[in-house]
């Protein structure tokens, strides 16, 4: 049997600089990809942060970073400083919080403005109600009337009573029966004012 030629692919490569330029470039490309793959697996399996920067034999830079090369380098060079990613997340959270606070402040301002509008509406309604009460004060209960209003009511009832009496003398009470009831009602109101000591002395 003939001797089998050894497989050159399984030969151990000496740990020394490859002098052949083209071989050196091929080896660099393969080993670089392998290193980056192992770094990615390390990040996935262990949850670590990794940054790798390597220059090719021709001086071209290549990098791998998880999560980012810049943030890891910054963290390494300034260990006591705030991490850029953390700082960015903090800024994002702070911006979101400020936006939410601004939205709530706007809603509060709208509610306060609406309350002010309702308060002014209430004041206007109270003014209208008071004005109507002043205009129709005679419709209020007798015990709530003031002395001046009682005098006016007394005079008005006397005038109306006299007017009804004149019409009654003309025989209109029989044709308009409710006039008699009006006279009786005014008599009752007059007695209530007088005997209740609500009228002036």
C-alpha atoms as a PDB file:
ATOM      1  CA  UNK A   1       0.000   0.000   0.000  1.00  0.00           C
ATOM      2  CA  UNK A   2       1.111   3.491  -0.812  1.00  0.00           C
ATOM      3  CA  UNK A   3       1.523   6.041   1.907  1.00  0.00           C
ATOM      4  CA  UNK A   4      -1.346   8.536   2.280  1.00  0.00           C
ATOM      5  CA  UNK A   5      -0.329  12.109   1.851  1.00  0.00           C
ATOM      6  CA  UNK A   6      -0.940  14.172   4.960  1.00  0.00           C
ATOM      7  CA  UNK A   7      -3.811  16.646   4.756  1.00  0.00           C
ATOM      8  CA  UNK A   8      -2.369  20.107   4.726  1.00  0.00           C
ATOM      9  CA  UNK A   9      -5.584  21.477   6.220  1.00  0.00           C
ATOM     10  CA  UNK A  10      -4.955  19.611   9.428  1.00  0.00           C
ATOM     11  CA  UNK A  11      -1.377  20.702   9.760  1.00  0.00           C
ATOM     12  CA  UNK A  12      -0.667  22.897  12.743  1.00  0.00           C
ATOM     13  CA  UNK A  13       0.181  26.414  11.683  1.00  0.00           C
ATOM     14  CA  UNK A  14       3.188  27.783  13.494  1.00  0.00           C
ATOM     15  CA  UNK A  15       2.445  30.761  15.751  1.00  0.00           C
ATOM     16  CA  UNK A  16       4.555  33.225  13.846  1.00  0.00           C
ATOM     17  CA  UNK A  17       3.948  35.979  11.379  1.00  0.00           C
ATOM     18  CA  UNK A  18       2.937  34.793   7.942  1.00  0.00           C
ATOM     19  CA  UNK A  19       5.375  36.279   5.524  1.00  0.00           C
ATOM     20  CA  UNK A  20       3.312  35.703   2.408  1.00  0.00           C
ATOM     21  CA  UNK A  21       1.130  38.781   2.029  1.00  0.00           C
ATOM     22  CA  UNK A  22      -1.824  37.102   0.323  1.00  0.00           C
ATOM     23  CA  UNK A  23      -1.802  34.203   2.795  1.00  0.00           C
ATOM     24  CA  UNK A  24      -1.632  36.647   5.644  1.00  0.00           C
ATOM     25  CA  UNK A  25      -4.709  38.537   4.376  1.00  0.00           C
ATOM     26  CA  UNK A  26      -6.727  35.334   3.961  1.00  0.00           C
ATOM     27  CA  UNK A  27      -5.807  34.157   7.435  1.00  0.00           C
ATOM     28  CA  UNK A  28      -6.730  37.528   8.884  1.00  0.00           C
ATOM     29  CA  UNK A  29     -10.192  37.467   7.263  1.00  0.00           C
ATOM     30  CA  UNK A  30     -10.920  33.952   8.515  1.00  0.00           C
ATOM     31  CA  UNK A  31      -9.621  34.501  12.035  1.00  0.00           C
ATOM     32  CA  UNK A  32     -11.336  37.866  12.342  1.00  0.00           C
ATOM     33  CA  UNK A  33     -14.695  36.334  11.433  1.00  0.00           C
ATOM     34  CA  UNK A  34     -14.072  33.550  13.941  1.00  0.00           C
ATOM     35  CA  UNK A  35     -13.203  35.981  16.730  1.00  0.00           C
ATOM     36  CA  UNK A  36     -16.290  38.079  16.053  1.00  0.00           C
ATOM     37  CA  UNK A  37     -18.440  34.939  16.023  1.00  0.00           C
ATOM     38  CA  UNK A  38     -17.039  33.776  19.364  1.00  0.00           C
ATOM     39  CA  UNK A  39     -17.595  37.254  20.821  1.00  0.00           C
ATOM     40  CA  UNK A  40     -21.199  37.229  19.630  1.00  0.00           C
ATOM     41  CA  UNK A  41     -21.747  33.806  21.199  1.00  0.00           C
ATOM     42  CA  UNK A  42     -20.222  35.041  24.450  1.00  0.00           C
ATOM     43  CA  UNK A  43     -22.626  37.988  24.495  1.00  0.00           C
ATOM     44  CA  UNK A  44     -25.590  35.734  23.825  1.00  0.00           C
ATOM     45  CA  UNK A  45     -24.682  33.014  26.316  1.00  0.00           C
ATOM     46  CA  UNK A  46     -23.401  35.177  29.162  1.00  0.00           C
ATOM     47  CA  UNK A  47     -25.104  38.523  28.565  1.00  0.00           C
ATOM     48  CA  UNK A  48     -21.823  40.416  28.601  1.00  0.00           C
ATOM     49  CA  UNK A  49     -20.760  43.584  26.856  1.00  0.00           C
ATOM     50  CA  UNK A  50     -17.937  43.186  24.357  1.00  0.00           C
ATOM     51  CA  UNK A  51     -15.959  45.568  22.195  1.00  0.00           C
ATOM     52  CA  UNK A  52     -13.343  44.448  19.688  1.00  0.00           C
ATOM     53  CA  UNK A  53     -11.331  46.694  17.385  1.00  0.00           C
ATOM     54  CA  UNK A  54      -8.842  45.244  14.968  1.00  0.00           C
ATOM     55  CA  UNK A  55      -6.862  46.625  12.034  1.00  0.00           C
ATOM     56  CA  UNK A  56      -6.141  44.526   8.990  1.00  0.00           C
ATOM     57  CA  UNK A  57      -2.572  44.091   7.699  1.00  0.00           C
ATOM     58  CA  UNK A  58      -3.428  46.832   5.206  1.00  0.00           C
ATOM     59  CA  UNK A  59      -4.428  49.179   8.024  1.00  0.00           C
ATOM     60  CA  UNK A  60      -8.211  48.935   7.573  1.00  0.00           C
ATOM     61  CA  UNK A  61     -10.165  48.977  10.874  1.00  0.00           C
ATOM     62  CA  UNK A  62     -12.816  46.409  11.786  1.00  0.00           C
ATOM     63  CA  UNK A  63     -14.890  46.409  14.957  1.00  0.00           C
ATOM     64  CA  UNK A  64     -17.487  44.415  16.827  1.00  0.00           C
ATOM     65  CA  UNK A  65     -19.436  45.683  19.802  1.00  0.00           C
ATOM     66  CA  UNK A  66     -22.358  44.682  21.912  1.00  0.00           C
ATOM     67  CA  UNK A  67     -24.340  46.762  22.532  1.00  0.00           C
ATOM     68  CA  UNK A  68     -22.118  49.460  20.958  1.00  0.00           C
ATOM     69  CA  UNK A  69     -18.386  49.904  20.613  1.00  0.00           C
ATOM     70  CA  UNK A  70     -18.440  53.600  21.533  1.00  0.00           C
ATOM     71  CA  UNK A  71     -20.461  53.115  24.717  1.00  0.00           C
ATOM     72  CA  UNK A  72     -18.250  50.267  25.915  1.00  0.00           C
ATOM     73  CA  UNK A  73     -15.044  52.210  25.243  1.00  0.00           C
ATOM     74  CA  UNK A  74     -16.473  55.228  27.031  1.00  0.00           C
ATOM     75  CA  UNK A  75     -17.466  53.043  29.959  1.00  0.00           C
ATOM     76  CA  UNK A  76     -13.975  51.541  30.081  1.00  0.00           C
ATOM     77  CA  UNK A  77     -12.148  54.866  29.896  1.00  0.00           C
ATOM     78  CA  UNK A  78     -14.460  56.660  32.361  1.00  0.00           C
ATOM     79  CA  UNK A  79     -15.701  54.007  34.801  1.00  0.00           C
ATOM     80  CA  UNK A  80     -17.121  56.596  37.212  1.00  0.00           C
ATOM     81  CA  UNK A  81     -19.016  58.500  34.531  1.00  0.00           C
ATOM     82  CA  UNK A  82     -22.602  57.845  33.587  1.00  0.00           C
ATOM     83  CA  UNK A  83     -22.909  55.193  30.966  1.00  0.00           C
ATOM     84  CA  UNK A  84     -23.964  56.677  27.593  1.00  0.00           C
ATOM     85  CA  UNK A  85     -26.676  54.080  27.082  1.00  0.00           C
ATOM     86  CA  UNK A  86     -27.921  54.573  30.626  1.00  0.00           C
ATOM     87  CA  UNK A  87     -27.739  58.316  30.185  1.00  0.00           C
ATOM     88  CA  UNK A  88     -29.625  58.054  26.906  1.00  0.00           C
ATOM     89  CA  UNK A  89     -32.300  55.911  28.524  1.00  0.00           C
ATOM     90  CA  UNK A  90     -32.471  58.396  31.398  1.00  0.00           C
ATOM     91  CA  UNK A  91     -32.894  61.263  28.956  1.00  0.00           C
ATOM     92  CA  UNK A  92     -35.635  59.354  27.144  1.00  0.00           C
ATOM     93  CA  UNK A  93     -37.422  58.584  30.416  1.00  0.00           C
ATOM     94  CA  UNK A  94     -37.061  62.169  31.573  1.00  0.00           C
ATOM     95  CA  UNK A  95     -38.385  63.484  28.268  1.00  0.00           C
ATOM     96  CA  UNK A  96     -41.364  61.124  28.475  1.00  0.00           C
ATOM     97  CA  UNK A  97     -42.031  62.192  32.066  1.00  0.00           C
ATOM     98  CA  UNK A  98     -41.818  65.876  31.171  1.00  0.00           C
ATOM     99  CA  UNK A  99     -44.181  65.343  28.258  1.00  0.00           C
ATOM    100  CA  UNK A 100     -46.645  63.549  30.539  1.00  0.00           C
ATOM    101  CA  UNK A 101     -46.397  66.287  33.164  1.00  0.00           C
ATOM    102  CA  UNK A 102     -46.955  68.901  30.482  1.00  0.00           C
ATOM    103  CA  UNK A 103     -50.020  67.028  29.258  1.00  0.00           C
ATOM    104  CA  UNK A 104     -51.417  66.780  32.794  1.00  0.00           C
ATOM    105  CA  UNK A 105     -50.742  70.469  33.396  1.00  0.00           C
ATOM    106  CA  UNK A 106     -52.603  71.298  30.210  1.00  0.00           C
ATOM    107  CA  UNK A 107     -55.565  69.175  31.312  1.00  0.00           C
ATOM    108  CA  UNK A 108     -55.501  70.830  34.745  1.00  0.00           C
ATOM    109  CA  UNK A 109     -55.470  74.274  33.138  1.00  0.00           C
ATOM    110  CA  UNK A 110     -58.443  73.329  30.965  1.00  0.00           C
ATOM    111  CA  UNK A 111     -60.346  72.032  33.996  1.00  0.00           C
ATOM    112  CA  UNK A 112     -59.581  75.183  35.997  1.00  0.00           C
ATOM    113  CA  UNK A 113     -60.677  77.345  33.083  1.00  0.00           C
ATOM    114  CA  UNK A 114     -63.900  75.346  32.793  1.00  0.00           C
ATOM    115  CA  UNK A 115     -64.504  75.710  36.538  1.00  0.00           C
ATOM    116  CA  UNK A 116     -63.969  79.449  36.236  1.00  0.00           C
ATOM    117  CA  UNK A 117     -66.456  79.600  33.374  1.00  0.00           C
ATOM    118  CA  UNK A 118     -68.996  77.629  35.410  1.00  0.00           C
ATOM    119  CA  UNK A 119     -68.392  79.877  38.419  1.00  0.00           C
ATOM    120  CA  UNK A 120     -69.054  82.971  36.329  1.00  0.00           C
ATOM    121  CA  UNK A 121     -72.171  81.321  34.919  1.00  0.00           C
ATOM    122  CA  UNK A 122     -73.328  80.660  38.479  1.00  0.00           C
ATOM    123  CA  UNK A 123     -72.734  84.286  39.420  1.00  0.00           C
ATOM    124  CA  UNK A 124     -74.706  85.477  36.408  1.00  0.00           C
ATOM    125  CA  UNK A 125     -77.565  83.094  37.218  1.00  0.00           C
ATOM    126  CA  UNK A 126     -77.586  84.324  40.822  1.00  0.00           C
ATOM    127  CA  UNK A 127     -77.699  87.915  39.610  1.00  0.00           C
ATOM    128  CA  UNK A 128     -80.584  87.088  37.275  1.00  0.00           C
ATOM    129  CA  UNK A 129     -82.411  85.258  40.061  1.00  0.00           C
ATOM    130  CA  UNK A 130     -81.898  88.130  42.484  1.00  0.00           C
ATOM    131  CA  UNK A 131     -83.039  90.626  39.860  1.00  0.00           C
ATOM    132  CA  UNK A 132     -86.170  88.600  39.185  1.00  0.00           C
ATOM    133  CA  UNK A 133     -86.823  88.317  42.893  1.00  0.00           C
ATOM    134  CA  UNK A 134     -86.475  92.068  43.237  1.00  0.00           C
ATOM    135  CA  UNK A 135     -88.837  92.588  40.335  1.00  0.00           C
ATOM    136  CA  UNK A 136     -91.337  89.997  41.618  1.00  0.00           C
ATOM    137  CA  UNK A 137     -90.822  90.561  45.322  1.00  0.00           C
ATOM    138  CA  UNK A 138     -94.570  90.412  45.933  1.00  0.00           C
ATOM    139  CA  UNK A 139     -94.525  86.715  45.046  1.00  0.00           C
ATOM    140  CA  UNK A 140     -92.303  85.949  48.044  1.00  0.00           C
ATOM    141  CA  UNK A 141     -93.833  84.810  51.382  1.00  0.00           C
ATOM    142  CA  UNK A 142     -95.154  87.702  53.464  1.00  0.00           C
ATOM    143  CA  UNK A 143     -92.784  87.012  56.365  1.00  0.00           C
ATOM    144  CA  UNK A 144     -89.790  87.468  54.033  1.00  0.00           C
ATOM    145  CA  UNK A 145     -90.820  90.940  52.857  1.00  0.00           C
ATOM    146  CA  UNK A 146     -89.147  94.065  54.149  1.00  0.00           C
ATOM    147  CA  UNK A 147     -91.053  97.026  55.601  1.00  0.00           C
ATOM    148  CA  UNK A 148     -90.876  99.037  52.379  1.00  0.00           C
ATOM    149  CA  UNK A 149     -92.111  96.048  50.383  1.00  0.00           C
ATOM    150  CA  UNK A 150     -94.929  95.451  52.879  1.00  0.00           C
ATOM    151  CA  UNK A 151     -96.026  99.062  52.493  1.00  0.00           C
ATOM    152  CA  UNK A 152     -96.019  98.733  48.710  1.00  0.00           C
ATOM    153  CA  UNK A 153     -97.931  95.456  48.919  1.00  0.00           C
ATOM    154  CA  UNK A 154    -100.448  97.014  51.311  1.00  0.00           C
ATOM    155  CA  UNK A 155    -101.039  99.977  49.024  1.00  0.00           C
ATOM    156  CA  UNK A 156    -101.336  97.729  45.965  1.00  0.00           C
ATOM    157  CA  UNK A 157    -103.851  95.483  47.695  1.00  0.00           C
ATOM    158  CA  UNK A 158    -105.876  98.443  48.873  1.00  0.00           C
ATOM    159  CA  UNK A 159    -105.984  99.880  45.370  1.00  0.00           C
ATOM    160  CA  UNK A 160    -106.944  96.533  43.870  1.00  0.00           C
ATOM    161  CA  UNK A 161    -109.526  95.963  46.582  1.00  0.00           C
ATOM    162  CA  UNK A 162    -111.089  99.344  45.930  1.00  0.00           C
ATOM    163  CA  UNK A 163    -111.045  98.685  42.193  1.00  0.00           C
ATOM    164  CA  UNK A 164    -112.721  95.307  42.664  1.00  0.00           C
ATOM    165  CA  UNK A 165    -115.270  96.851  45.028  1.00  0.00           C
ATOM    166  CA  UNK A 166    -116.145  99.471  42.434  1.00  0.00           C
ATOM    167  CA  UNK A 167    -116.627  96.789  39.814  1.00  0.00           C
ATOM    168  CA  UNK A 168    -118.738  94.816  42.274  1.00  0.00           C
ATOM    169  CA  UNK A 169    -120.934  97.841  42.808  1.00  0.00           C
ATOM    170  CA  UNK A 170    -121.507  97.886  39.091  1.00  0.00           C
ATOM    171  CA  UNK A 171    -122.815  94.336  39.197  1.00  0.00           C
ATOM    172  CA  UNK A 172    -119.765  92.717  37.590  1.00  0.00           C
ATOM    173  CA  UNK A 173    -119.161  90.340  40.467  1.00  0.00           C
ATOM    174  CA  UNK A 174    -122.134  88.260  39.403  1.00  0.00           C
ATOM    175  CA  UNK A 175    -120.860  88.061  35.826  1.00  0.00           C
ATOM    176  CA  UNK A 176    -117.257  87.403  36.967  1.00  0.00           C
ATOM    177  CA  UNK A 177    -117.506  85.230  40.077  1.00  0.00           C
ATOM    178  CA  UNK A 178    -113.742  84.982  40.558  1.00  0.00           C
ATOM    179  CA  UNK A 179    -113.601  88.690  41.504  1.00  0.00           C
ATOM    180  CA  UNK A 180    -115.329  87.852  44.730  1.00  0.00           C
ATOM    181  CA  UNK A 181    -112.669  85.268  45.475  1.00  0.00           C
ATOM    182  CA  UNK A 182    -109.972  87.865  44.775  1.00  0.00           C
ATOM    183  CA  UNK A 183    -111.527  90.222  47.309  1.00  0.00           C
ATOM    184  CA  UNK A 184    -111.655  87.462  49.915  1.00  0.00           C
ATOM    185  CA  UNK A 185    -108.026  86.507  49.268  1.00  0.00           C
ATOM    186  CA  UNK A 186    -106.858  90.079  49.675  1.00  0.00           C
ATOM    187  CA  UNK A 187    -108.846  90.364  52.878  1.00  0.00           C
ATOM    188  CA  UNK A 188    -107.109  87.270  54.213  1.00  0.00           C
ATOM    189  CA  UNK A 189    -103.655  88.561  53.238  1.00  0.00           C
ATOM    190  CA  UNK A 190    -104.374  91.922  54.860  1.00  0.00           C
ATOM    191  CA  UNK A 191    -105.431  90.237  58.073  1.00  0.00           C
ATOM    192  CA  UNK A 192    -102.302  88.052  57.978  1.00  0.00           C
ATOM    193  CA  UNK A 193    -100.058  91.085  57.657  1.00  0.00           C
ATOM    194  CA  UNK A 194    -101.844  93.024  60.366  1.00  0.00           C
ATOM    195  CA  UNK A 195    -102.374  90.294  62.948  1.00  0.00           C
ATOM    196  CA  UNK A 196     -98.974  88.745  62.345  1.00  0.00           C
ATOM    197  CA  UNK A 197     -97.302  92.023  63.370  1.00  0.00           C
ATOM    198  CA  UNK A 198     -95.510  92.002  60.049  1.00  0.00           C
ATOM    199  CA  UNK A 199     -96.785  95.421  59.107  1.00  0.00           C
ATOM    200  CA  UNK A 200     -95.560  98.723  60.479  1.00  0.00           C
ATOM    201  CA  UNK A 201     -97.135 100.106  63.644  1.00  0.00           C
END
